[in-house]
Amino acid sequence: MKKRQMVLTMNDDSPRNSENSSLPVRTVRYGECQKNHAANVGGYAVDGCREFMAAGEEGTSGALACAACGCHRNFHRRVEEGGGEAEGEVGFE
């Protein structure tokens, strides 16, 4: 089987590169830790970490570990600010 290489180029007139774009700007932060430390014994216990703090600089493996509780960033609740709700978040009224 022959392999092919494809090169994609961006057009400068695209709406993502335009200064007049109407797309909302979203920032993402990570809230409290939701890791269940008692799952192996059938219980539920969280460690009380209130906010994700990166253990390293952006681009390193430490950027994905929390300096406060030591768990991975995926265990912290994702909060998108500046437009819309976070993925998987359900709003109750």
N, C-alpha and C. Protein backbone atom coordinates (compact mmCIF):
# COMPACT_ATOMS: atom_id res chain seq x y z
N MET A 1 0.84 -1.17 0.00
CA MET A 1 0.00 0.00 0.00
C MET A 1 0.89 1.24 0.00
N LYS A 2 0.56 2.19 -0.83
CA LYS A 2 1.36 3.39 -0.97
C LYS A 2 0.87 4.48 -0.01
N LYS A 3 1.81 5.10 0.72
CA LYS A 3 1.45 6.18 1.64
C LYS A 3 1.47 7.50 0.90
N ARG A 4 0.54 8.37 1.29
CA ARG A 4 0.47 9.69 0.68
C ARG A 4 0.56 10.74 1.77
N GLN A 5 1.21 11.82 1.47
CA GLN A 5 1.34 12.92 2.41
C GLN A 5 0.45 14.05 1.94
N MET A 6 -0.36 14.59 2.86
CA MET A 6 -1.27 15.66 2.53
C MET A 6 -0.88 16.90 3.31
N VAL A 7 -0.83 18.03 2.66
CA VAL A 7 -0.50 19.30 3.30
C VAL A 7 -1.72 20.20 3.25
N LEU A 8 -2.18 20.66 4.41
CA LEU A 8 -3.32 21.56 4.48
C LEU A 8 -2.82 22.96 4.78
N THR A 9 -3.35 23.93 4.07
CA THR A 9 -2.96 25.31 4.32
C THR A 9 -4.18 26.10 4.76
N MET A 10 -3.95 27.10 5.59
CA MET A 10 -5.03 27.95 6.07
C MET A 10 -5.12 29.18 5.16
N ASN A 11 -6.34 29.57 4.83
CA ASN A 11 -6.58 30.77 4.06
C ASN A 11 -6.64 31.95 5.03
N ASP A 12 -5.93 33.03 4.76
CA ASP A 12 -5.92 34.19 5.65
C ASP A 12 -7.26 34.89 5.74
N ASP A 13 -8.18 34.61 4.82
CA ASP A 13 -9.49 35.23 4.85
C ASP A 13 -10.50 34.45 5.69
N SER A 14 -10.04 33.39 6.35
CA SER A 14 -10.96 32.57 7.15
C SER A 14 -11.42 33.35 8.37
N PRO A 15 -12.64 33.08 8.89
CA PRO A 15 -13.17 33.83 10.02
C PRO A 15 -12.38 33.63 11.31
N ARG A 16 -11.61 32.53 11.42
CA ARG A 16 -10.83 32.32 12.64
C ARG A 16 -9.68 33.31 12.75
N ASN A 17 -9.16 33.77 11.63
CA ASN A 17 -8.04 34.69 11.65
C ASN A 17 -8.47 36.14 11.56
N SER A 18 -9.73 36.39 11.36
CA SER A 18 -10.24 37.75 11.19
C SER A 18 -10.39 38.44 12.53
N GLU A 19 -10.05 39.73 12.58
CA GLU A 19 -10.21 40.50 13.80
C GLU A 19 -11.68 40.81 14.07
N ASN A 20 -12.53 40.78 13.05
CA ASN A 20 -13.94 41.08 13.20
C ASN A 20 -14.78 39.83 13.42
N SER A 21 -14.17 38.78 13.85
CA SER A 21 -14.86 37.51 14.04
C SER A 21 -15.89 37.64 15.16
N SER A 22 -17.04 37.01 14.98
CA SER A 22 -18.09 37.06 15.99
C SER A 22 -18.07 35.82 16.89
N LEU A 23 -17.04 34.98 16.75
CA LEU A 23 -16.95 33.79 17.58
C LEU A 23 -16.59 34.19 19.01
N PRO A 24 -17.27 33.60 20.01
CA PRO A 24 -16.98 33.97 21.39
C PRO A 24 -15.62 33.43 21.84
N VAL A 25 -14.94 34.21 22.65
CA VAL A 25 -13.66 33.79 23.21
C VAL A 25 -13.93 33.10 24.54
N ARG A 26 -13.45 31.88 24.68
CA ARG A 26 -13.70 31.10 25.88
C ARG A 26 -12.38 30.81 26.58
N THR A 27 -12.36 31.00 27.87
CA THR A 27 -11.23 30.59 28.67
C THR A 27 -11.66 29.41 29.51
N VAL A 28 -10.74 28.50 29.75
CA VAL A 28 -11.04 27.29 30.50
C VAL A 28 -10.22 27.29 31.78
N ARG A 29 -10.88 27.02 32.88
CA ARG A 29 -10.18 26.82 34.14
C ARG A 29 -10.72 25.53 34.74
N TYR A 30 -10.01 25.01 35.71
CA TYR A 30 -10.39 23.74 36.32
C TYR A 30 -10.68 23.97 37.79
N GLY A 31 -11.87 23.57 38.23
CA GLY A 31 -12.35 23.80 39.59
C GLY A 31 -11.96 22.67 40.53
N GLU A 32 -12.87 22.35 41.43
CA GLU A 32 -12.58 21.39 42.49
C GLU A 32 -12.34 19.98 41.97
N CYS A 33 -11.53 19.23 42.73
CA CYS A 33 -11.18 17.86 42.38
C CYS A 33 -12.36 16.94 42.70
N GLN A 34 -12.67 16.04 41.78
CA GLN A 34 -13.79 15.13 41.95
C GLN A 34 -13.34 13.68 41.98
N LYS A 35 -12.04 13.45 42.23
CA LYS A 35 -11.52 12.08 42.26
C LYS A 35 -12.04 11.36 43.50
N ASN A 36 -12.58 10.17 43.30
CA ASN A 36 -13.11 9.36 44.39
C ASN A 36 -11.99 8.47 44.92
N HIS A 37 -11.47 8.80 46.10
CA HIS A 37 -10.35 8.06 46.67
C HIS A 37 -10.80 6.76 47.35
N ALA A 38 -12.08 6.59 47.59
CA ALA A 38 -12.58 5.39 48.27
C ALA A 38 -13.33 4.46 47.34
N ALA A 39 -13.11 4.58 46.05
CA ALA A 39 -13.84 3.75 45.08
C ALA A 39 -13.50 2.27 45.22
N ASN A 40 -12.27 1.95 45.59
CA ASN A 40 -11.88 0.54 45.68
C ASN A 40 -12.51 -0.18 46.86
N VAL A 41 -13.05 0.55 47.84
CA VAL A 41 -13.73 -0.09 48.98
C VAL A 41 -15.24 0.13 48.93
N GLY A 42 -15.72 0.71 47.84
CA GLY A 42 -17.15 0.89 47.65
C GLY A 42 -17.71 2.15 48.29
N GLY A 43 -16.88 3.07 48.66
CA GLY A 43 -17.34 4.31 49.29
C GLY A 43 -17.15 5.51 48.38
N TYR A 44 -17.30 6.68 48.98
CA TYR A 44 -17.10 7.92 48.24
C TYR A 44 -16.39 8.91 49.15
N ALA A 45 -15.21 9.35 48.76
CA ALA A 45 -14.45 10.32 49.54
C ALA A 45 -13.59 11.15 48.59
N VAL A 46 -13.69 12.46 48.71
CA VAL A 46 -12.86 13.37 47.92
C VAL A 46 -11.84 14.01 48.84
N ASP A 47 -10.77 14.54 48.26
CA ASP A 47 -9.68 15.07 49.09
C ASP A 47 -9.85 16.53 49.50
N GLY A 48 -10.79 17.24 48.92
CA GLY A 48 -11.05 18.63 49.31
C GLY A 48 -10.26 19.66 48.53
N CYS A 49 -9.55 19.26 47.49
CA CYS A 49 -8.81 20.22 46.66
C CYS A 49 -9.82 21.11 45.95
N ARG A 50 -9.72 22.41 46.12
CA ARG A 50 -10.72 23.34 45.62
C ARG A 50 -10.46 23.86 44.21
N GLU A 51 -9.20 23.84 43.74
CA GLU A 51 -8.91 24.37 42.42
C GLU A 51 -7.62 23.75 41.90
N PHE A 52 -7.57 23.51 40.59
CA PHE A 52 -6.39 22.93 39.97
C PHE A 52 -5.28 23.97 39.89
N MET A 53 -4.09 23.59 40.35
CA MET A 53 -2.89 24.42 40.22
C MET A 53 -1.84 23.56 39.53
N ALA A 54 -1.37 23.99 38.38
CA ALA A 54 -0.41 23.21 37.61
C ALA A 54 0.91 23.09 38.37
N ALA A 55 1.48 21.88 38.33
CA ALA A 55 2.74 21.63 39.03
C ALA A 55 3.95 22.00 38.19
N GLY A 56 3.76 22.33 36.92
CA GLY A 56 4.88 22.68 36.04
C GLY A 56 4.48 23.72 35.02
N GLU A 57 5.43 24.08 34.19
CA GLU A 57 5.20 25.08 33.14
C GLU A 57 4.36 24.48 32.01
N GLU A 58 3.67 25.33 31.27
CA GLU A 58 2.85 24.91 30.14
C GLU A 58 3.74 24.22 29.11
N GLY A 59 3.29 23.07 28.63
CA GLY A 59 4.04 22.31 27.65
C GLY A 59 4.84 21.18 28.26
N THR A 60 4.95 21.11 29.57
CA THR A 60 5.66 20.02 30.24
C THR A 60 4.64 19.02 30.79
N SER A 61 5.11 17.86 31.22
CA SER A 61 4.20 16.87 31.78
C SER A 61 3.67 17.32 33.13
N GLY A 62 4.40 18.19 33.82
CA GLY A 62 3.94 18.71 35.11
C GLY A 62 2.75 19.64 34.99
N ALA A 63 2.48 20.16 33.79
CA ALA A 63 1.36 21.06 33.59
C ALA A 63 0.03 20.34 33.73
N LEU A 64 0.02 19.02 33.65
CA LEU A 64 -1.21 18.24 33.75
C LEU A 64 -1.43 17.66 35.14
N ALA A 65 -0.47 17.85 36.04
CA ALA A 65 -0.59 17.34 37.41
C ALA A 65 -0.90 18.50 38.35
N CYS A 66 -1.78 18.26 39.32
CA CYS A 66 -2.16 19.29 40.28
C CYS A 66 -1.11 19.36 41.38
N ALA A 67 -0.63 20.56 41.68
CA ALA A 67 0.37 20.74 42.73
C ALA A 67 -0.24 20.55 44.11
N ALA A 68 -1.53 20.78 44.27
CA ALA A 68 -2.17 20.68 45.58
C ALA A 68 -2.47 19.24 45.97
N CYS A 69 -3.08 18.47 45.05
CA CYS A 69 -3.51 17.11 45.42
C CYS A 69 -2.75 16.01 44.69
N GLY A 70 -2.00 16.35 43.64
CA GLY A 70 -1.18 15.38 42.93
C GLY A 70 -1.89 14.57 41.86
N CYS A 71 -3.18 14.81 41.65
CA CYS A 71 -3.91 14.03 40.65
C CYS A 71 -3.83 14.71 39.28
N HIS A 72 -4.33 14.01 38.26
CA HIS A 72 -4.33 14.52 36.89
C HIS A 72 -5.40 15.60 36.73
N ARG A 73 -5.20 16.49 35.78
CA ARG A 73 -6.12 17.60 35.54
C ARG A 73 -7.52 17.12 35.18
N ASN A 74 -7.65 15.93 34.58
CA ASN A 74 -8.96 15.42 34.18
C ASN A 74 -9.87 15.15 35.37
N PHE A 75 -9.34 14.99 36.57
CA PHE A 75 -10.18 14.75 37.74
C PHE A 75 -10.83 16.04 38.25
N HIS A 76 -10.37 17.18 37.77
CA HIS A 76 -10.93 18.46 38.21
C HIS A 76 -12.06 18.88 37.28
N ARG A 77 -13.07 19.52 37.86
CA ARG A 77 -14.24 19.96 37.10
C ARG A 77 -13.83 21.05 36.13
N ARG A 78 -14.17 20.88 34.86
CA ARG A 78 -13.84 21.84 33.81
C ARG A 78 -14.89 22.94 33.78
N VAL A 79 -14.44 24.20 33.81
CA VAL A 79 -15.34 25.34 33.79
C VAL A 79 -14.92 26.24 32.63
N GLU A 80 -15.83 26.42 31.65
CA GLU A 80 -15.57 27.33 30.53
C GLU A 80 -16.17 28.67 30.86
N GLU A 81 -15.37 29.72 30.76
CA GLU A 81 -15.85 31.07 31.04
C GLU A 81 -15.90 31.86 29.74
N GLY A 82 -16.88 32.72 29.63
CA GLY A 82 -16.98 33.56 28.44
C GLY A 82 -17.86 33.00 27.36
N GLY A 83 -18.70 32.04 27.68
CA GLY A 83 -19.64 31.53 26.69
C GLY A 83 -19.95 30.07 26.87
N GLY A 84 -21.19 29.76 27.15
CA GLY A 84 -21.65 28.38 27.22
C GLY A 84 -21.28 27.67 28.50
N GLU A 85 -21.85 26.46 28.64
CA GLU A 85 -21.56 25.63 29.79
C GLU A 85 -20.45 24.65 29.45
N ALA A 86 -19.84 24.08 30.45
CA ALA A 86 -18.79 23.10 30.25
C ALA A 86 -19.39 21.81 29.72
N GLU A 87 -18.56 21.02 29.04
CA GLU A 87 -19.02 19.73 28.52
C GLU A 87 -19.38 18.82 29.67
N GLY A 88 -20.49 18.14 29.54
CA GLY A 88 -20.89 17.18 30.54
C GLY A 88 -21.55 17.79 31.76
N GLU A 89 -21.64 19.10 31.82
CA GLU A 89 -22.23 19.75 32.97
C GLU A 89 -23.73 19.88 32.75
N VAL A 90 -24.52 19.54 33.76
CA VAL A 90 -25.97 19.59 33.67
C VAL A 90 -26.46 20.69 34.58
N GLY A 91 -27.29 21.58 34.05
CA GLY A 91 -27.82 22.66 34.86
C GLY A 91 -29.17 22.33 35.45
N PHE A 92 -29.32 22.44 36.76
CA PHE A 92 -30.59 22.21 37.43
C PHE A 92 -31.10 23.52 37.97
N GLU A 93 -32.41 23.71 37.92
CA GLU A 93 -32.98 24.96 38.45
C GLU A 93 -33.98 24.69 39.52
